[in-house]
Structures are given as C-alpha cells and as structure tokens.
C-alpha cells in the first residue's frame, strides 16, 4: 500500500495552474503525517489540463472487525468549505498525536478513513460538476420513486445544464465509482461504519441528512440513526443541526449514499450522513457573495471561515467517538423495537407535494 513517503506522488508541483489550494494542503498533511497515515490511490481524474490522482488516507486499527468512520468532501467542486473542514480535522489529529495518549488508545480500536477531495477536477476548474459536466451526487444508477424538482433533482438532458446525472446506462464516473469502492472496501466491509460527507449551499441552517434521497420510505437502520441523533443532542445540546432523511427536503435521482447504503451487506450496519452547511446565512450577512460562484457556496471573509471550521470540529470529533463506542450504544432486541417506534413517529414520511 502506498504511503505519504512516496515523494514523487506528493512533491510540490512547479506549475501553480496545475493545482489548487486544498490539493496542496492535502499533500502537506500527508507529507507531515507520513508516519501515521496509510495512503491509497483509488483512481485518477483527467481534465483538459492536469490529471489528478484520487487519494484516501487512513489511520487507526487494522482489525477487520473494528468500527470505521469515513470523512468525505469535495464531491461538488465549488463547495470547498467541506473539504477545508476535513483537512482542518486531519491537521488537528496530527498535532494531537504528539501528546494525546487517549487519542492513541482510541485509534487502537477504531479506524478513520479520509477522502477530502472526491472531485479534484471540478475543484481545480471552479465548477460544481466533474470535468465531464456530471454532477457526481446524481450519478448513481437508481432513479427516484416519485417526482423530483425540475433539473435540481437530476437531469439527463445534457452536461450543458446543471445537475446532469450522466448518460443513461453509461458507467458511473471515475470519481463516483472510486468513492463507492472506498465505501465498499474500507467502510461497509466492517460490521459497523459511519460516513460523513461534507457539502454546502442549501438553506439558512446546517443540516445532517441521511438516506433516502430517492424515496420517502424510511431506511432499515432507522433505530440506529435515531440512537445516534439522540446521543448528538445529549452530547451537544446547543447544536443547531436539523437531523432528518434527505427526502424530507426533496427527492433526487442517483444519490451516491443511497446506492452505497443499499450495497452494504445485510448483516452490517452502515450509517451514511451528509452535512449540508447552510450557505444562505453567509450570503445574507454578505449579499455581495451572490455575484461570485465561490461565494454562493462558501464563506468569504476570513473570520467566517474560521468560525465555520471551529463550529463543526466538535461534530467530527463526536462522530469519531461514536464510531469507537458503537458496541456500547447500538440498540438490540426490545430497545431497538422501542427506538423504531419512536423514530418512525419522529421521521414519519411526508406526503408527496
């Protein structure tokens, strides 16, 4: 398995136009963490200019039965703040490894997998979609069971319009296939795993969404998700996240996490979540951001960027601890039945509009 010590892969590029800030930050973290991270190349993306390898970085237990949590970002190239949040967490972990004995003990029993830049071509080109114009979050093969929002729910008319799913029947894009392979081989192959995919750009509030996006039916692991939600509220009582199935907001075609969830072995528990940072709040505070594609999806002012990174670091740490402690809180038997009743009442599917 390749590591961050492979200097030819992580050397600084001499051509500034063939890279971007988040890519260089990722390289710097991997170089600094060469003694700790296991780095794996899972694909390569080609653009009209440079090519970009797709990397994952993992740390922690190598036990195939250990719980795992995966952090993903940059699926939409314009939503850079999600990638920056994951990179900040990785950097903090590296510093803590110098002194935090409890962290070392924790990593003996849990594994962390990072894929902070799923769509490097889109991020390099300052586009939401990948270099072929495909919206990766609408690129899986399944279709929604009910009506989706026009265009925004996914469309197959062509890459000239936003939210393009890709050509019907065509193989998934390199980036989508790589993410799903990482989930299948590094997360869902374990008895218990969590995933957090960091996005931005929807609403005035921050949201945590979970499957399904294709249907208003409720997921099979609703009791486990409800237990996690309850723990979050008890541990972070002043948080402002809404926590709900994505279908409570809108349906869409081709959601990658719906597909990954349904491909998980039946006897394993995989709980994927999407963190949707509410960028409309940043726009309301600084309306001039509307005139910038970057500003629509990201905070611009330095103090707001710092506030976002600081505000959500606790969530990432909470989820890591929840993965580590999973054997102690996963519901079983009558407790699971009780949580199923509570969760079903709490997240009762809304009627189709």
Protein backbone atom coordinates (compact mmCIF):
# COMPACT_ATOMS: atom_id res chain seq x y z
CA UNK A 1 0.00 0.00 0.00
CA UNK A 2 1.46 3.43 -0.91
CA UNK A 3 2.23 5.85 1.89
CA UNK A 4 2.85 9.55 2.18
CA UNK A 5 6.56 8.77 1.97
CA UNK A 6 6.17 8.25 -1.77
CA UNK A 7 7.76 11.59 -2.53
CA UNK A 8 7.16 11.53 -6.26
CA UNK A 9 3.43 11.46 -5.62
CA UNK A 10 3.32 14.23 -3.06
CA UNK A 11 6.11 16.52 -4.24
CA UNK A 12 5.18 20.17 -4.66
CA UNK A 13 4.15 20.98 -8.19
CA UNK A 14 6.09 23.69 -10.00
CA UNK A 15 3.09 24.75 -12.09
CA UNK A 16 0.67 26.72 -9.94
CA UNK A 17 -2.01 26.47 -12.64
CA UNK A 18 -2.00 22.67 -12.33
CA UNK A 19 -3.09 22.59 -8.71
CA UNK A 20 -5.25 24.41 -6.16
CA UNK A 21 -5.02 25.35 -2.52
CA UNK A 22 -6.91 22.44 -1.00
CA UNK A 23 -4.89 19.94 -3.03
CA UNK A 24 -1.64 21.44 -1.77
CA UNK A 25 -2.94 21.47 1.81
CA UNK A 26 -3.85 17.79 1.49
CA UNK A 27 -0.37 16.98 0.20
CA UNK A 28 1.23 18.90 3.07
CA UNK A 29 -0.83 16.97 5.65
CA UNK A 30 0.08 13.64 4.07
CA UNK A 31 3.77 14.55 3.99
CA UNK A 32 3.68 15.64 7.63
CA UNK A 33 1.72 12.55 8.63
CA UNK A 34 3.77 10.02 6.71
CA UNK A 35 4.47 8.03 9.86
CA UNK A 36 0.75 7.76 10.70
CA UNK A 37 -1.44 7.77 7.59
CA UNK A 38 -1.83 4.90 5.16
CA UNK A 39 -2.40 6.46 1.75
CA UNK A 40 -4.04 4.67 -1.14
CA UNK A 41 -4.54 5.82 -4.72
CA UNK A 42 -8.07 4.84 -5.76
CA UNK A 43 -8.34 6.45 -9.18
CA UNK A 44 -7.14 9.22 -11.47
CA UNK A 45 -9.12 12.08 -12.96
CA UNK A 46 -8.18 13.66 -16.28
CA UNK A 47 -9.02 17.22 -17.28
CA UNK A 48 -8.22 19.34 -20.32
CA UNK A 49 -5.12 20.34 -18.37
CA UNK A 50 -3.60 18.39 -15.48
CA UNK A 51 -4.55 14.95 -14.18
CA UNK A 52 -5.32 14.42 -10.52
CA UNK A 53 -4.93 11.19 -8.54
CA UNK A 54 -7.72 10.33 -6.10
CA UNK A 55 -6.36 9.51 -2.66
CA UNK A 56 -7.65 8.18 0.61
CA UNK A 57 -5.74 8.48 3.87
CA UNK A 58 -6.48 6.10 6.74
CA UNK A 59 -5.36 5.90 10.33
CA UNK A 60 -6.15 3.63 13.25
CA UNK A 61 -6.95 -0.02 13.84
CA UNK A 62 -6.26 -2.58 11.11
CA UNK A 63 -8.65 -5.08 12.70
CA UNK A 64 -11.27 -6.04 10.07
CA UNK A 65 -13.87 -6.13 12.86
CA UNK A 66 -13.07 -2.66 14.19
CA UNK A 67 -15.64 0.12 13.65
CA UNK A 68 -14.79 2.60 10.91
CA UNK A 69 -15.74 6.18 10.13
CA UNK A 70 -15.18 7.82 6.76
CA UNK A 71 -15.00 11.56 6.07
CA UNK A 72 -15.65 12.71 2.51
CA UNK A 73 -15.65 16.12 0.86
CA UNK A 74 -15.32 17.98 -2.40
CA UNK A 75 -17.89 15.92 -4.32
CA UNK A 76 -19.07 19.26 -5.68
CA UNK A 77 -16.04 21.24 -6.78
CA UNK A 78 -17.47 24.63 -5.77
CA UNK A 79 -18.20 23.54 -2.20
CA UNK A 80 -14.67 23.97 -0.89
CA UNK A 81 -15.58 24.64 2.74
CA UNK A 82 -16.46 20.96 3.28
CA UNK A 83 -13.01 19.90 2.12
CA UNK A 84 -11.43 22.60 4.27
CA UNK A 85 -13.33 21.31 7.31
CA UNK A 86 -12.00 17.77 6.83
CA UNK A 87 -8.44 18.99 6.21
CA UNK A 88 -8.58 21.06 9.40
CA UNK A 89 -9.69 17.97 11.33
CA UNK A 90 -6.88 15.87 9.83
CA UNK A 91 -4.34 18.56 10.73
CA UNK A 92 -5.62 18.74 14.30
CA UNK A 93 -5.37 14.94 14.63
CA UNK A 94 -1.73 15.06 13.59
CA UNK A 95 -0.89 17.67 16.21
CA UNK A 96 -2.78 15.72 18.89
CA UNK A 97 -0.83 12.58 18.10
CA UNK A 98 2.22 14.33 19.54
CA UNK A 99 0.75 14.47 23.04
CA UNK A 100 -2.73 12.91 23.28
CA UNK A 101 -2.36 9.44 24.79
CA UNK A 102 -6.14 8.96 24.85
CA UNK A 103 -6.25 9.52 21.10
CA UNK A 104 -3.61 6.83 20.61
CA UNK A 105 -5.69 4.42 22.68
CA UNK A 106 -8.81 5.32 20.73
CA UNK A 107 -7.09 4.66 17.41
CA UNK A 108 -6.20 1.17 18.58
CA UNK A 109 -9.91 0.30 18.37
CA UNK A 110 -11.35 2.47 15.58
CA UNK A 111 -10.30 3.31 12.03
CA UNK A 112 -10.63 6.69 10.33
CA UNK A 113 -10.74 7.00 6.53
CA UNK A 114 -10.41 10.38 4.80
CA UNK A 115 -11.27 11.26 1.20
CA UNK A 116 -11.45 15.06 1.37
CA UNK A 117 -11.26 15.76 -2.40
CA UNK A 118 -13.53 13.46 -4.36
CA UNK A 119 -13.82 15.82 -7.34
CA UNK A 120 -10.39 17.43 -7.83
CA UNK A 121 -11.09 18.26 -11.48
CA UNK A 122 -14.18 20.25 -10.57
CA UNK A 123 -12.40 22.00 -7.72
CA UNK A 124 -9.47 22.89 -9.97
CA UNK A 125 -11.82 24.25 -12.67
CA UNK A 126 -14.08 26.07 -10.15
CA UNK A 127 -17.10 24.03 -11.22
CA UNK A 128 -19.73 22.10 -9.29
CA UNK A 129 -19.65 19.14 -11.69
CA UNK A 130 -16.70 16.99 -12.65
CA UNK A 131 -14.65 17.76 -15.81
CA UNK A 132 -17.25 15.95 -17.97
CA UNK A 133 -20.08 18.08 -16.62
CA UNK A 134 -21.58 15.32 -14.46
CA UNK A 135 -22.98 16.11 -11.02
CA UNK A 136 -21.42 13.27 -9.04
CA UNK A 137 -24.09 13.33 -6.36
CA UNK A 138 -26.66 12.40 -9.02
CA UNK A 139 -24.52 9.85 -10.85
CA UNK A 140 -25.58 6.54 -9.26
CA UNK A 141 -27.88 4.34 -11.39
CA UNK A 142 -31.05 4.38 -9.29
CA UNK A 143 -34.00 6.65 -10.08
CA UNK A 144 -36.27 8.38 -7.60
CA UNK A 145 -39.59 6.70 -6.92
CA UNK A 146 -41.58 9.96 -7.10
CA UNK A 147 -41.38 13.31 -8.80
CA UNK A 148 -38.15 15.27 -8.28
CA UNK A 149 -37.56 19.03 -8.53
CA UNK A 150 -37.09 20.17 -12.12
CA UNK A 151 -33.39 19.96 -13.04
CA UNK A 152 -32.22 20.07 -9.40
CA UNK A 153 -33.40 16.53 -8.78
CA UNK A 154 -31.14 15.29 -11.56
CA UNK A 155 -31.50 15.50 -15.34
CA UNK A 156 -30.24 13.53 -18.36
CA UNK A 157 -30.72 16.24 -20.99
CA UNK A 158 -27.02 17.03 -21.13
CA UNK A 159 -23.98 18.50 -19.37
CA UNK A 160 -24.78 21.99 -20.63
CA UNK A 161 -27.42 22.17 -17.89
CA UNK A 162 -26.67 21.81 -14.16
CA UNK A 163 -27.37 18.68 -12.13
CA UNK A 164 -26.56 16.34 -15.03
CA UNK A 165 -26.77 12.68 -13.98
CA UNK A 166 -24.70 11.39 -16.87
CA UNK A 167 -25.80 9.46 -19.94
CA UNK A 168 -28.44 6.83 -19.06
CA UNK A 169 -26.91 3.36 -18.96
CA UNK A 170 -23.33 4.64 -19.05
CA UNK A 171 -20.83 3.50 -16.39
CA UNK A 172 -20.53 5.76 -13.40
CA UNK A 173 -17.90 8.46 -13.47
CA UNK A 174 -14.39 7.68 -12.22
CA UNK A 175 -14.89 9.78 -9.09
CA UNK A 176 -18.26 8.23 -8.21
CA UNK A 177 -17.00 4.70 -8.75
CA UNK A 178 -13.91 5.42 -6.65
CA UNK A 179 -15.98 6.74 -3.73
CA UNK A 180 -18.28 3.73 -3.82
CA UNK A 181 -15.30 1.37 -3.97
CA UNK A 182 -13.77 3.09 -0.92
CA UNK A 183 -17.03 2.68 0.96
CA UNK A 184 -17.40 -0.95 -0.07
CA UNK A 185 -13.82 -1.98 0.69
CA UNK A 186 -12.81 0.27 3.57
CA UNK A 187 -16.07 1.02 5.42
CA UNK A 188 -19.03 -1.25 4.71
CA UNK A 189 -16.85 -4.37 4.81
CA UNK A 190 -16.66 -3.84 8.58
CA UNK A 191 -19.56 -4.83 10.87
CA UNK A 192 -20.16 -1.17 11.78
CA UNK A 193 -19.28 2.00 9.93
CA UNK A 194 -20.28 5.65 9.70
CA UNK A 195 -19.71 8.15 6.90
CA UNK A 196 -19.96 11.93 6.86
CA UNK A 197 -19.97 13.71 3.51
CA UNK A 198 -19.45 17.47 3.84
CA UNK A 199 -21.33 19.81 1.49
CA UNK A 200 -22.60 23.39 1.49
CA UNK A 201 -25.13 25.52 -0.27
CA UNK A 202 -28.65 24.75 0.97
CA UNK A 203 -30.70 26.82 3.40
CA UNK A 204 -30.11 29.15 6.30
CA UNK A 205 -29.41 26.33 8.77
CA UNK A 206 -26.96 23.44 8.93
CA UNK A 207 -28.44 20.03 8.27
CA UNK A 208 -27.47 16.39 8.68
CA UNK A 209 -29.24 14.28 6.08
CA UNK A 210 -29.33 10.51 5.75
CA UNK A 211 -30.89 8.07 3.24
CA UNK A 212 -33.11 8.05 1.49
CA UNK A 213 -32.99 10.70 -1.22
CA UNK A 214 -34.78 8.54 -3.80
CA UNK A 215 -37.87 7.67 -1.77
CA UNK A 216 -39.92 8.76 1.20
CA UNK A 217 -39.72 5.26 2.61
CA UNK A 218 -37.65 5.09 5.79
CA UNK A 219 -34.29 3.31 5.92
CA UNK A 220 -33.87 -0.10 7.54
CA UNK A 221 -31.44 1.20 10.17
CA UNK A 222 -33.75 3.91 11.46
CA UNK A 223 -33.34 2.85 15.14
CA UNK A 224 -29.57 3.13 14.90
CA UNK A 225 -29.82 6.56 13.27
CA UNK A 226 -32.27 7.69 15.93
CA UNK A 227 -29.93 6.49 18.68
CA UNK A 228 -27.10 8.48 17.07
CA UNK A 229 -29.30 11.57 16.82
CA UNK A 230 -30.24 11.26 20.49
CA UNK A 231 -26.61 10.92 21.52
CA UNK A 232 -25.73 14.01 19.49
CA UNK A 233 -28.44 16.05 21.19
CA UNK A 234 -27.35 14.87 24.62
CA UNK A 235 -23.64 15.48 23.94
CA UNK A 236 -24.04 18.77 22.05
CA UNK A 237 -27.31 20.17 23.44
CA UNK A 238 -26.81 23.59 21.89
CA UNK A 239 -26.15 22.43 18.34
CA UNK A 240 -28.27 23.86 15.53
CA UNK A 241 -28.31 20.89 13.15
CA UNK A 242 -31.53 19.58 11.73
CA UNK A 243 -31.23 15.78 11.54
CA UNK A 244 -33.54 14.06 9.09
CA UNK A 245 -33.90 11.92 5.95
CA UNK A 246 -32.99 13.91 2.85
CA UNK A 247 -36.40 13.04 1.40
CA UNK A 248 -37.94 15.40 3.97
CA UNK A 249 -36.48 18.20 1.85
CA UNK A 250 -36.58 16.88 -1.72
CA UNK A 251 -36.08 13.73 -3.78
CA UNK A 252 -33.34 13.24 -6.34
CA UNK A 253 -32.04 10.71 -8.82
CA UNK A 254 -28.70 8.95 -8.47
CA UNK A 255 -27.73 9.77 -4.89
CA UNK A 256 -24.39 8.09 -4.15
CA UNK A 257 -25.16 7.45 -0.48
CA UNK A 258 -28.49 5.79 -1.25
CA UNK A 259 -26.59 3.47 -3.59
CA UNK A 260 -23.76 2.81 -1.12
CA UNK A 261 -26.23 2.11 1.69
CA UNK A 262 -28.19 -0.42 -0.37
CA UNK A 263 -24.98 -2.20 -1.44
CA UNK A 264 -23.93 -2.82 2.18
CA UNK A 265 -24.01 -6.47 3.37
CA UNK A 266 -27.29 -7.20 5.12
CA UNK A 267 -25.62 -8.18 8.41
CA UNK A 268 -23.51 -4.98 8.59
CA UNK A 269 -24.58 -1.57 9.88
CA UNK A 270 -23.55 1.36 7.68
CA UNK A 271 -24.88 4.81 8.56
CA UNK A 272 -24.07 7.43 5.90
CA UNK A 273 -24.78 11.10 6.56
CA UNK A 274 -24.43 14.31 4.59
CA UNK A 275 -23.52 17.52 6.39
CA UNK A 276 -25.16 20.33 4.44
CA UNK A 277 -23.74 23.66 5.59
CA UNK A 278 -26.34 26.40 5.20
CA UNK A 279 -24.58 28.87 2.94
CA UNK A 280 -27.59 31.16 2.58
CA UNK A 281 -26.72 32.53 6.01
CA UNK A 282 -23.32 33.68 4.75
CA UNK A 283 -24.99 35.32 1.74
CA UNK A 284 -27.49 37.13 3.96
CA UNK A 285 -24.64 38.56 6.00
CA UNK A 286 -22.66 39.49 2.88
CA UNK A 287 -25.07 39.82 -0.11
CA UNK A 288 -22.22 40.65 -2.49
CA UNK A 289 -21.29 36.96 -2.37
CA UNK A 290 -24.21 36.33 -4.73
CA UNK A 291 -22.10 37.71 -7.55
CA UNK A 292 -19.43 35.05 -7.06
CA UNK A 293 -19.83 31.33 -7.78
CA UNK A 294 -17.39 30.71 -4.95
CA UNK A 295 -19.33 32.98 -2.60
CA UNK A 296 -22.65 31.22 -3.17
CA UNK A 297 -21.28 28.05 -1.58
CA UNK A 298 -18.57 29.20 0.83
CA UNK A 299 -17.90 31.84 3.45
CA UNK A 300 -15.61 34.51 2.04
CA UNK A 301 -14.48 36.61 4.97
CA UNK A 302 -11.62 35.10 6.98
CA UNK A 303 -13.38 35.35 10.33
CA UNK A 304 -16.40 33.47 8.99
CA UNK A 305 -14.22 30.70 7.57
CA UNK A 306 -12.56 30.31 10.97
CA UNK A 307 -15.94 30.27 12.69
CA UNK A 308 -17.24 27.51 10.41
CA UNK A 309 -14.15 25.36 10.89
CA UNK A 310 -14.30 25.86 14.65
CA UNK A 311 -18.05 25.32 14.91
CA UNK A 312 -18.17 21.94 13.18
CA UNK A 313 -14.98 20.40 14.55
CA UNK A 314 -16.98 19.10 17.53
CA UNK A 315 -19.33 17.21 15.22
CA UNK A 316 -16.46 15.37 13.53
CA UNK A 317 -14.96 14.51 16.90
CA UNK A 318 -18.34 13.36 18.23
CA UNK A 319 -18.83 11.01 15.28
CA UNK A 320 -15.35 9.57 15.69
CA UNK A 321 -16.08 8.83 19.33
CA UNK A 322 -19.49 7.41 18.45
CA UNK A 323 -17.86 5.02 15.97
CA UNK A 324 -15.32 3.96 18.60
CA UNK A 325 -18.05 3.35 21.19
CA UNK A 326 -20.54 1.69 18.81
CA UNK A 327 -20.64 -1.70 20.59
CA UNK A 328 -21.94 0.06 23.69
CA UNK A 329 -24.79 2.07 22.14
CA UNK A 330 -26.10 0.11 19.16
CA UNK A 331 -29.66 -0.91 20.10
CA UNK A 332 -30.71 -4.56 20.24
CA UNK A 333 -33.88 -6.57 20.85
CA UNK A 334 -36.66 -4.68 22.63
CA UNK A 335 -34.63 -1.48 22.86
CA UNK A 336 -34.33 -1.48 19.09
CA UNK A 337 -38.05 -2.09 18.69
CA UNK A 338 -38.80 0.83 21.02
CA UNK A 339 -36.44 3.13 19.12
CA UNK A 340 -38.01 2.04 15.84
CA UNK A 341 -41.41 3.17 17.07
CA UNK A 342 -40.00 6.50 18.29
CA UNK A 343 -38.01 7.07 15.11
CA UNK A 344 -40.92 6.20 12.83
CA UNK A 345 -43.16 8.66 14.65
CA UNK A 346 -40.45 11.34 14.61
CA UNK A 347 -39.50 10.96 10.93
CA UNK A 348 -42.85 9.88 9.55
CA UNK A 349 -42.63 10.29 5.76
CA UNK A 350 -44.14 13.49 4.46
CA UNK A 351 -46.76 13.33 1.78
CA UNK A 352 -45.56 13.97 -1.73
CA UNK A 353 -46.25 17.57 -2.84
